N, C-alpha and C. Protein backbone atom coordinates (compact mmCIF):
# COMPACT_ATOMS: atom_id res chain seq x y z
N MET A 1 11.30 -6.76 -29.78
CA MET A 1 12.13 -7.98 -30.21
C MET A 1 12.68 -8.55 -29.13
N GLU A 2 13.09 -9.62 -28.76
CA GLU A 2 13.49 -9.82 -27.49
C GLU A 2 15.12 -9.90 -27.83
N GLU A 3 15.73 -9.74 -26.65
CA GLU A 3 17.58 -9.78 -27.03
C GLU A 3 17.71 -10.69 -26.68
N ARG A 4 18.24 -11.74 -27.09
CA ARG A 4 19.05 -12.62 -26.93
C ARG A 4 20.60 -12.28 -26.65
N PRO A 5 21.40 -13.19 -25.80
CA PRO A 5 22.65 -12.84 -25.67
C PRO A 5 23.37 -13.99 -26.76
N GLU A 6 24.54 -13.28 -26.73
CA GLU A 6 25.77 -14.14 -27.71
C GLU A 6 26.05 -15.28 -27.03
N SER A 7 26.67 -15.97 -28.14
CA SER A 7 27.07 -17.65 -27.99
C SER A 7 28.39 -17.27 -26.92
N VAL A 8 28.14 -18.25 -26.12
CA VAL A 8 30.01 -18.08 -25.56
C VAL A 8 30.73 -19.27 -25.49
N GLU A 9 31.52 -18.84 -25.27
CA GLU A 9 33.04 -20.49 -25.42
C GLU A 9 33.46 -20.07 -24.26
N ILE A 10 33.71 -21.54 -23.85
CA ILE A 10 34.16 -21.59 -22.30
C ILE A 10 35.92 -22.27 -22.66
N THR A 11 36.73 -22.15 -22.60
CA THR A 11 37.92 -22.83 -22.55
C THR A 11 38.53 -22.92 -21.40
N SER A 12 39.61 -23.71 -21.20
CA SER A 12 40.45 -24.01 -20.50
C SER A 12 41.15 -23.15 -19.80
N GLY A 13 41.80 -22.31 -18.50
CA GLY A 13 42.27 -21.69 -18.21
C GLY A 13 44.30 -22.11 -17.92
N SER A 14 44.50 -23.29 -18.30
CA SER A 14 45.35 -24.10 -17.88
C SER A 14 45.95 -24.17 -19.14
N ASP A 15 47.26 -24.30 -19.62
CA ASP A 15 47.84 -24.97 -20.68
C ASP A 15 47.35 -26.43 -20.68
N GLY A 16 47.07 -27.16 -19.36
CA GLY A 16 47.16 -28.60 -18.78
C GLY A 16 45.78 -29.14 -19.35
N ASN A 17 45.60 -30.70 -19.02
CA ASN A 17 44.05 -31.07 -19.23
C ASN A 17 44.03 -31.42 -17.98
N PRO A 18 42.65 -30.45 -17.36
CA PRO A 18 42.58 -30.82 -15.23
C PRO A 18 41.90 -31.98 -15.25
N TRP A 19 41.55 -33.02 -15.91
CA TRP A 19 40.76 -34.21 -15.92
C TRP A 19 42.01 -35.41 -16.09
N GLY A 20 43.06 -34.87 -16.63
CA GLY A 20 44.43 -35.92 -16.39
C GLY A 20 44.22 -36.93 -17.64
N GLY A 21 44.67 -37.61 -18.19
CA GLY A 21 44.92 -38.52 -19.54
C GLY A 21 45.71 -37.49 -20.50
N GLU A 22 45.18 -37.82 -21.77
CA GLU A 22 45.42 -37.89 -22.98
C GLU A 22 44.73 -36.49 -23.55
N PRO A 23 45.28 -34.85 -23.43
CA PRO A 23 44.47 -33.95 -24.34
C PRO A 23 44.08 -33.96 -25.07
N SER A 24 42.31 -34.10 -25.41
CA SER A 24 41.92 -33.92 -26.72
C SER A 24 41.83 -33.08 -27.54
N ASN A 25 41.07 -32.01 -27.50
CA ASN A 25 40.93 -30.77 -28.44
C ASN A 25 41.62 -29.63 -27.72
N LEU A 26 42.63 -29.47 -26.87
CA LEU A 26 42.91 -28.75 -26.11
C LEU A 26 44.04 -28.03 -26.39
N GLU A 27 45.43 -29.04 -27.53
CA GLU A 27 45.89 -28.72 -28.00
C GLU A 27 46.31 -28.16 -29.00
N SER A 28 44.90 -28.00 -30.13
CA SER A 28 44.24 -27.17 -31.32
C SER A 28 43.53 -26.16 -30.85
N GLY A 29 43.31 -26.00 -29.35
CA GLY A 29 42.78 -24.85 -28.84
C GLY A 29 41.66 -24.56 -29.53
N GLY A 30 40.93 -26.04 -29.32
CA GLY A 30 39.16 -25.99 -29.68
C GLY A 30 38.40 -25.58 -27.93
N THR A 31 37.37 -25.56 -27.88
CA THR A 31 36.36 -24.96 -27.02
C THR A 31 36.02 -26.77 -26.18
N ILE A 32 35.92 -26.47 -24.95
CA ILE A 32 35.28 -27.22 -24.37
C ILE A 32 34.01 -27.36 -24.12
N LEU A 33 33.15 -26.29 -24.15
CA LEU A 33 32.03 -26.39 -24.00
C LEU A 33 31.26 -24.97 -25.07
N SER A 34 30.35 -25.14 -25.47
CA SER A 34 29.89 -23.77 -26.40
C SER A 34 28.40 -24.20 -26.79
N GLY A 35 27.80 -22.79 -26.97
CA GLY A 35 26.20 -22.94 -27.03
C GLY A 35 25.84 -21.13 -26.77
N SER A 36 24.48 -21.06 -26.14
CA SER A 36 23.32 -20.11 -26.37
C SER A 36 23.32 -19.91 -24.39
N VAL A 37 23.63 -18.87 -24.23
CA VAL A 37 23.28 -18.43 -22.82
C VAL A 37 22.33 -18.11 -22.61
N SER A 38 20.95 -18.31 -21.66
CA SER A 38 19.81 -17.21 -21.47
C SER A 38 19.73 -16.22 -20.28
N SER A 39 19.38 -15.66 -19.82
CA SER A 39 19.27 -15.29 -18.53
C SER A 39 17.78 -15.67 -17.92
N LEU A 40 17.83 -15.84 -16.86
CA LEU A 40 16.86 -16.50 -15.76
C LEU A 40 16.49 -15.63 -14.67
N GLY A 41 16.90 -14.59 -14.88
CA GLY A 41 15.76 -13.42 -14.14
C GLY A 41 15.29 -12.61 -14.80
N ALA A 42 14.39 -11.79 -14.10
CA ALA A 42 13.13 -10.85 -14.05
C ALA A 42 13.55 -9.66 -15.62
N SER A 43 12.71 -9.58 -16.30
CA SER A 43 12.93 -8.63 -17.93
C SER A 43 13.85 -7.14 -17.12
N ASN A 44 13.45 -6.97 -16.02
CA ASN A 44 14.09 -5.46 -15.12
C ASN A 44 15.29 -5.46 -14.55
N SER A 45 15.56 -7.09 -13.88
CA SER A 45 16.56 -7.17 -13.25
C SER A 45 17.01 -8.37 -13.25
N SER A 46 18.30 -8.47 -13.10
CA SER A 46 18.99 -9.56 -13.22
C SER A 46 19.44 -10.83 -12.42
N ALA A 47 18.34 -10.77 -10.95
CA ALA A 47 18.33 -10.82 -10.07
C ALA A 47 17.17 -12.51 -9.91
N LEU A 48 17.73 -13.46 -9.58
CA LEU A 48 16.43 -14.42 -9.53
C LEU A 48 15.08 -14.59 -8.54
N GLY A 49 13.84 -15.11 -8.48
CA GLY A 49 12.87 -14.69 -7.64
C GLY A 49 12.54 -14.22 -7.60
N ILE A 50 12.23 -13.00 -8.55
CA ILE A 50 11.63 -11.71 -8.28
C ILE A 50 9.81 -12.01 -9.69
N VAL A 51 9.09 -11.77 -8.38
CA VAL A 51 7.61 -11.78 -9.46
C VAL A 51 7.56 -11.10 -10.84
N SER A 52 7.38 -11.66 -11.55
CA SER A 52 6.64 -10.40 -12.97
C SER A 52 5.34 -10.11 -12.77
N GLN A 53 5.30 -9.30 -13.72
CA GLN A 53 3.97 -8.11 -13.46
C GLN A 53 2.63 -9.47 -13.98
N GLN A 54 3.15 -10.45 -14.99
CA GLN A 54 2.12 -11.46 -15.25
C GLN A 54 1.85 -12.38 -14.32
N GLU A 55 2.89 -12.69 -13.34
CA GLU A 55 2.34 -13.68 -12.19
C GLU A 55 2.08 -12.81 -11.12
N GLN A 56 2.06 -11.57 -10.88
CA GLN A 56 1.86 -10.92 -9.69
C GLN A 56 0.31 -10.60 -9.86
N GLY A 57 -0.17 -10.64 -11.12
CA GLY A 57 -1.94 -10.13 -11.27
C GLY A 57 -2.30 -8.53 -11.36
N ASN A 58 -3.15 -8.38 -11.23
CA ASN A 58 -3.80 -7.27 -11.16
C ASN A 58 -4.45 -6.89 -9.78
N GLY A 59 -4.17 -6.17 -9.41
CA GLY A 59 -4.50 -5.57 -8.02
C GLY A 59 -4.35 -6.52 -7.02
N SER A 60 -4.65 -6.02 -5.57
CA SER A 60 -4.55 -6.86 -4.81
C SER A 60 -4.42 -8.60 -4.47
N ASN A 61 -3.70 -9.62 -4.01
CA ASN A 61 -4.10 -10.45 -3.87
C ASN A 61 -5.04 -10.83 -2.97
N VAL A 62 -4.92 -10.25 -1.55
CA VAL A 62 -6.21 -10.26 -0.10
C VAL A 62 -7.25 -9.90 -1.23
N GLY A 63 -7.18 -8.92 -2.20
CA GLY A 63 -8.54 -8.66 -2.86
C GLY A 63 -9.19 -9.54 -3.70
N TRP A 64 -8.33 -9.99 -4.02
CA TRP A 64 -9.24 -11.38 -5.30
C TRP A 64 -9.31 -12.63 -4.44
N PHE A 65 -8.81 -12.68 -3.08
CA PHE A 65 -8.94 -13.63 -2.60
C PHE A 65 -10.21 -13.76 -2.05
N PHE A 66 -10.89 -12.12 -1.51
CA PHE A 66 -11.77 -12.08 -0.72
C PHE A 66 -13.13 -11.91 -1.75
N VAL A 67 -13.08 -11.63 -2.83
CA VAL A 67 -13.89 -12.02 -4.06
C VAL A 67 -14.12 -12.97 -4.77
N GLY A 68 -12.99 -13.79 -4.76
CA GLY A 68 -13.65 -15.32 -4.82
C GLY A 68 -14.12 -15.75 -4.02
N LEU A 69 -13.80 -15.94 -2.34
CA LEU A 69 -14.28 -16.27 -1.87
C LEU A 69 -15.41 -15.78 -0.80
N ILE A 70 -16.09 -14.47 -1.35
CA ILE A 70 -17.70 -14.01 -0.81
C ILE A 70 -18.23 -13.47 -1.67
N LEU A 71 -17.81 -12.67 -2.94
CA LEU A 71 -18.92 -11.94 -3.92
C LEU A 71 -19.02 -13.20 -4.94
N ALA A 72 -18.09 -13.47 -5.93
CA ALA A 72 -18.23 -14.59 -6.61
C ALA A 72 -19.69 -15.60 -5.92
N PRO A 73 -19.38 -16.49 -4.84
CA PRO A 73 -20.44 -17.42 -4.82
C PRO A 73 -21.30 -16.38 -4.20
N GLY A 74 -21.65 -15.53 -3.72
CA GLY A 74 -22.60 -14.68 -3.23
C GLY A 74 -23.62 -14.23 -4.76
N ALA A 75 -22.95 -14.13 -5.83
CA ALA A 75 -23.40 -13.71 -7.31
C ALA A 75 -24.21 -15.05 -7.76
N MET A 76 -23.47 -15.99 -7.47
CA MET A 76 -23.89 -17.33 -8.16
C MET A 76 -25.30 -17.94 -7.05
N TRP A 77 -25.04 -17.65 -5.74
CA TRP A 77 -26.09 -17.71 -4.84
C TRP A 77 -27.35 -17.27 -5.41
N ILE A 78 -27.33 -15.94 -5.41
CA ILE A 78 -28.74 -14.51 -5.75
C ILE A 78 -29.00 -15.32 -7.55
N SER A 79 -28.41 -14.97 -8.19
CA SER A 79 -28.68 -15.77 -9.46
C SER A 79 -29.26 -17.46 -9.48
N SER A 80 -28.63 -18.23 -8.41
CA SER A 80 -29.57 -19.49 -8.44
C SER A 80 -30.83 -19.29 -8.29
N ILE A 81 -31.01 -18.49 -6.72
CA ILE A 81 -32.59 -18.01 -5.99
C ILE A 81 -33.33 -17.44 -6.89
N ILE A 82 -32.81 -16.31 -7.71
CA ILE A 82 -33.93 -15.84 -9.47
C ILE A 82 -34.50 -16.71 -10.03
N LEU A 83 -33.15 -18.28 -10.66
CA LEU A 83 -33.55 -18.97 -11.26
C LEU A 83 -34.77 -19.81 -10.70
N MET A 84 -34.21 -19.90 -9.59
CA MET A 84 -35.54 -20.88 -8.86
C MET A 84 -36.63 -20.35 -8.49
N GLU A 85 -37.05 -19.01 -8.46
CA GLU A 85 -38.22 -18.25 -8.26
C GLU A 85 -38.89 -17.99 -9.82
N ILE A 86 -37.96 -17.91 -10.90
CA ILE A 86 -38.93 -17.69 -11.76
C ILE A 86 -39.30 -19.27 -12.82
N ALA A 87 -38.20 -20.41 -11.75
CA ALA A 87 -39.12 -22.23 -12.02
C ALA A 87 -40.32 -22.50 -11.46
N TRP A 88 -40.36 -21.48 -9.81
CA TRP A 88 -41.40 -21.94 -9.58
C TRP A 88 -43.02 -20.97 -9.69
N GLY A 89 -42.51 -19.99 -10.35
CA GLY A 89 -43.61 -19.15 -10.73
C GLY A 89 -44.15 -19.56 -12.20
N LEU A 90 -43.16 -20.60 -13.08
CA LEU A 90 -43.86 -20.94 -14.31
C LEU A 90 -44.72 -22.25 -14.59
N SER A 91 -45.33 -22.78 -15.40
CA SER A 91 -45.70 -23.69 -15.98
C SER A 91 -45.04 -24.55 -15.71
N ASP A 92 -45.51 -26.23 -16.26
CA ASP A 92 -44.81 -26.99 -15.76
C ASP A 92 -43.60 -27.85 -17.02
N THR A 93 -44.07 -26.68 -18.34
CA THR A 93 -42.99 -26.93 -19.23
C THR A 93 -41.60 -26.51 -18.83
N GLY A 94 -42.10 -25.10 -18.47
CA GLY A 94 -40.69 -24.40 -18.20
C GLY A 94 -40.53 -24.60 -16.89
N GLU A 95 -41.22 -25.11 -15.67
CA GLU A 95 -40.28 -25.26 -14.70
C GLU A 95 -39.08 -25.88 -14.82
N GLY A 96 -39.46 -27.17 -15.05
CA GLY A 96 -38.01 -27.85 -15.47
C GLY A 96 -36.74 -27.11 -15.49
N LEU A 97 -36.67 -26.67 -16.91
CA LEU A 97 -35.32 -26.17 -17.87
C LEU A 97 -34.84 -25.06 -16.93
N PHE A 98 -35.85 -23.85 -15.88
CA PHE A 98 -35.49 -22.99 -15.61
C PHE A 98 -34.82 -23.80 -13.88
N MET A 99 -35.27 -24.81 -13.35
CA MET A 99 -34.92 -25.33 -11.96
C MET A 99 -33.54 -25.95 -12.54
N VAL A 100 -33.78 -26.99 -13.85
CA VAL A 100 -32.12 -27.43 -13.95
C VAL A 100 -30.76 -26.46 -13.90
N ALA A 101 -31.31 -25.43 -14.42
CA ALA A 101 -30.42 -24.03 -14.83
C ALA A 101 -30.10 -23.21 -13.27
N SER A 102 -31.17 -23.34 -12.16
CA SER A 102 -30.87 -22.81 -11.30
C SER A 102 -30.06 -24.15 -10.79
N PHE A 103 -29.96 -25.37 -10.37
CA PHE A 103 -28.80 -25.77 -9.65
C PHE A 103 -27.47 -26.24 -10.35
N LEU A 104 -27.41 -25.65 -11.93
CA LEU A 104 -26.05 -26.23 -12.15
C LEU A 104 -25.15 -24.63 -12.32
N VAL A 105 -26.01 -23.30 -11.97
CA VAL A 105 -25.17 -22.36 -11.52
C VAL A 105 -23.66 -22.59 -10.85
N TRP A 106 -24.05 -23.15 -10.07
CA TRP A 106 -22.91 -23.44 -8.75
C TRP A 106 -21.89 -24.55 -9.01
N PRO A 107 -21.50 -25.64 -9.76
CA PRO A 107 -21.05 -26.60 -10.44
C PRO A 107 -20.59 -25.90 -11.85
N VAL A 108 -20.89 -25.05 -12.54
CA VAL A 108 -20.52 -24.21 -13.85
C VAL A 108 -19.73 -23.15 -13.50
N GLY A 109 -20.67 -22.62 -12.08
CA GLY A 109 -19.42 -21.17 -11.68
C GLY A 109 -18.45 -21.27 -11.50
N LEU A 110 -18.27 -22.62 -10.65
CA LEU A 110 -17.59 -22.42 -9.50
C LEU A 110 -16.22 -23.30 -10.57
N ILE A 111 -16.11 -23.73 -11.70
CA ILE A 111 -15.60 -24.59 -12.65
C ILE A 111 -14.68 -23.59 -13.35
N ALA A 112 -15.90 -22.65 -14.21
CA ALA A 112 -15.39 -21.55 -15.06
C ALA A 112 -14.62 -20.48 -14.11
N GLY A 113 -14.87 -20.16 -12.75
CA GLY A 113 -14.14 -19.11 -12.14
C GLY A 113 -12.73 -19.36 -11.40
N ILE A 114 -12.64 -20.88 -11.08
CA ILE A 114 -11.02 -21.35 -11.47
C ILE A 114 -10.56 -21.67 -12.31
N VAL A 115 -10.68 -21.81 -13.54
CA VAL A 115 -10.14 -21.69 -14.48
C VAL A 115 -10.20 -20.70 -15.11
N TRP A 116 -10.98 -20.02 -14.85
CA TRP A 116 -10.94 -18.47 -15.85
C TRP A 116 -9.44 -17.67 -14.85
N SER A 117 -9.60 -18.04 -13.38
CA SER A 117 -9.17 -17.07 -13.10
C SER A 117 -7.03 -17.64 -13.11
N PHE A 118 -6.94 -19.07 -12.86
CA PHE A 118 -5.63 -19.58 -13.24
C PHE A 118 -4.99 -19.37 -14.72
N THR A 119 -6.31 -19.59 -15.44
CA THR A 119 -5.45 -19.30 -17.10
C THR A 119 -5.33 -17.80 -17.30
N ARG A 120 -5.96 -16.67 -16.23
CA ARG A 120 -5.64 -15.54 -16.17
C ARG A 120 -4.59 -15.20 -15.81
N GLY A 121 -3.86 -15.89 -14.38
CA GLY A 121 -2.62 -16.04 -13.74
C GLY A 121 -2.96 -15.03 -12.74
N ASN A 122 -4.13 -15.27 -11.92
CA ASN A 122 -4.54 -14.62 -10.40
C ASN A 122 -5.13 -16.07 -9.81
N LYS A 123 -4.37 -16.54 -9.45
CA LYS A 123 -4.65 -17.74 -8.94
C LYS A 123 -5.32 -17.38 -6.72
N TYR A 124 -5.50 -16.30 -6.45
CA TYR A 124 -6.11 -15.88 -5.90
C TYR A 124 -7.09 -16.11 -5.56
N PHE A 125 -7.59 -15.88 -6.63
CA PHE A 125 -9.29 -15.89 -6.95
C PHE A 125 -9.61 -17.16 -6.92
N ALA A 126 -8.81 -18.37 -7.14
CA ALA A 126 -9.29 -19.43 -7.91
C ALA A 126 -9.19 -20.36 -5.99
N ILE A 127 -8.07 -19.57 -5.06
CA ILE A 127 -8.13 -20.08 -4.30
C ILE A 127 -8.71 -19.46 -3.17
N GLY A 128 -9.10 -18.63 -3.13
CA GLY A 128 -10.82 -17.62 -2.64
C GLY A 128 -12.31 -18.71 -2.87
N MET A 129 -11.93 -19.15 -4.15
CA MET A 129 -13.21 -20.29 -4.60
C MET A 129 -13.40 -21.62 -3.80
N LEU A 130 -12.69 -21.99 -3.93
CA LEU A 130 -12.01 -23.21 -3.63
C LEU A 130 -12.34 -23.58 -2.24
N THR A 131 -12.01 -22.21 -1.15
CA THR A 131 -11.99 -22.24 -0.40
C THR A 131 -13.19 -22.27 0.42
N THR A 132 -14.15 -21.39 -0.89
CA THR A 132 -15.52 -20.93 -0.72
C THR A 132 -16.20 -23.06 -0.54
N VAL A 133 -15.46 -23.62 -1.47
CA VAL A 133 -16.03 -25.56 -1.54
C VAL A 133 -15.53 -25.84 -1.06
N ILE A 134 -14.44 -26.11 -0.09
CA ILE A 134 -13.64 -26.77 0.68
C ILE A 134 -13.84 -26.29 1.93
N GLY A 135 -13.09 -25.33 2.35
CA GLY A 135 -13.02 -24.51 3.54
C GLY A 135 -13.95 -24.66 4.55
N VAL A 136 -15.15 -23.95 4.13
CA VAL A 136 -16.22 -23.65 4.62
C VAL A 136 -16.96 -24.53 5.58
N PRO A 137 -17.22 -25.45 3.98
CA PRO A 137 -18.23 -26.58 4.79
C PRO A 137 -17.22 -27.55 5.96
N ALA A 138 -16.02 -27.77 5.45
CA ALA A 138 -14.85 -27.96 6.52
C ALA A 138 -15.61 -27.56 7.78
N VAL A 139 -15.31 -26.39 7.95
CA VAL A 139 -15.06 -25.37 9.03
C VAL A 139 -17.13 -25.48 9.93
N LEU A 140 -18.15 -25.32 9.52
CA LEU A 140 -19.31 -25.77 9.45
C LEU A 140 -19.41 -26.89 9.91
N PHE A 141 -18.95 -27.84 9.26
CA PHE A 141 -19.21 -30.05 10.26
C PHE A 141 -18.36 -29.73 10.78
N LEU A 142 -17.08 -29.02 11.42
CA LEU A 142 -16.30 -29.45 12.43
C LEU A 142 -17.16 -28.74 13.72
N ALA A 143 -18.09 -27.12 13.29
CA ALA A 143 -18.41 -26.44 14.59
C ALA A 143 -19.62 -27.59 14.63
N PHE A 144 -20.36 -28.38 13.96
CA PHE A 144 -21.72 -29.45 14.21
C PHE A 144 -21.14 -30.41 14.86
N ILE A 145 -20.06 -30.84 14.52
CA ILE A 145 -19.48 -31.87 15.34
C ILE A 145 -19.17 -31.05 16.79
N VAL A 146 -18.77 -30.51 16.97
CA VAL A 146 -18.45 -29.68 18.26
C VAL A 146 -19.69 -29.30 19.58
N MET A 147 -20.32 -29.38 18.55
CA MET A 147 -21.96 -28.88 18.72
C MET A 147 -22.55 -29.78 19.70
N ILE A 148 -22.55 -30.82 19.19
CA ILE A 148 -23.01 -32.31 19.02
C ILE A 148 -22.39 -33.02 20.46
N VAL A 149 -21.21 -32.81 20.64
CA VAL A 149 -20.10 -33.37 21.62
C VAL A 149 -20.52 -32.91 23.43
N MET A 150 -20.40 -31.63 22.68
CA MET A 150 -20.78 -30.49 23.53
C MET A 150 -22.25 -30.90 24.46
N TRP A 151 -23.10 -30.45 23.69
CA TRP A 151 -24.39 -31.09 23.97
C TRP A 151 -24.41 -32.36 24.62
N SER A 152 -24.31 -33.38 24.43
CA SER A 152 -23.66 -34.72 24.99
C SER A 152 -23.23 -34.85 26.13
N GLY A 153 -22.87 -33.65 26.75
CA GLY A 153 -22.08 -33.84 28.00
C GLY A 153 -20.59 -34.16 27.68
N GLY A 154 -20.50 -34.37 26.92
CA GLY A 154 -18.33 -34.99 26.29
C GLY A 154 -17.56 -33.97 26.87
N PHE A 155 -17.80 -32.65 26.60
CA PHE A 155 -16.70 -31.97 27.61
C PHE A 155 -16.48 -31.64 29.07
């Protein structure tokens, strides 16, 4: 059961009205503010900014990043090749089905992996998969441009 703090009443420390003018409810001893107070800290500490276990996820963040960067795309690549090999070995009726499945492995696998990792609370796996989709092709494209410029004598 979650512990909730008691309600708190804040009253003026002085007998006069700090805002000037006509005192409204201070003469009757009424409260200025009232309500519930809740702690913004983590469950084991009262300090702010501490990462909870749910946000931190299980395992090393760097490890999950490299699993999303290398292992998950590698598994999708191998399964895509296996499905394509099966499609080439079949007749015309089954070839189309396995060929479509081999092409759908990448988009379905990437979207499912990214959604799974964000809903599970481990964003580093999703960042690794996004780096595979965006970062690696961008680096390869820039390397290709540099290679063309060097071959053309631009440097």
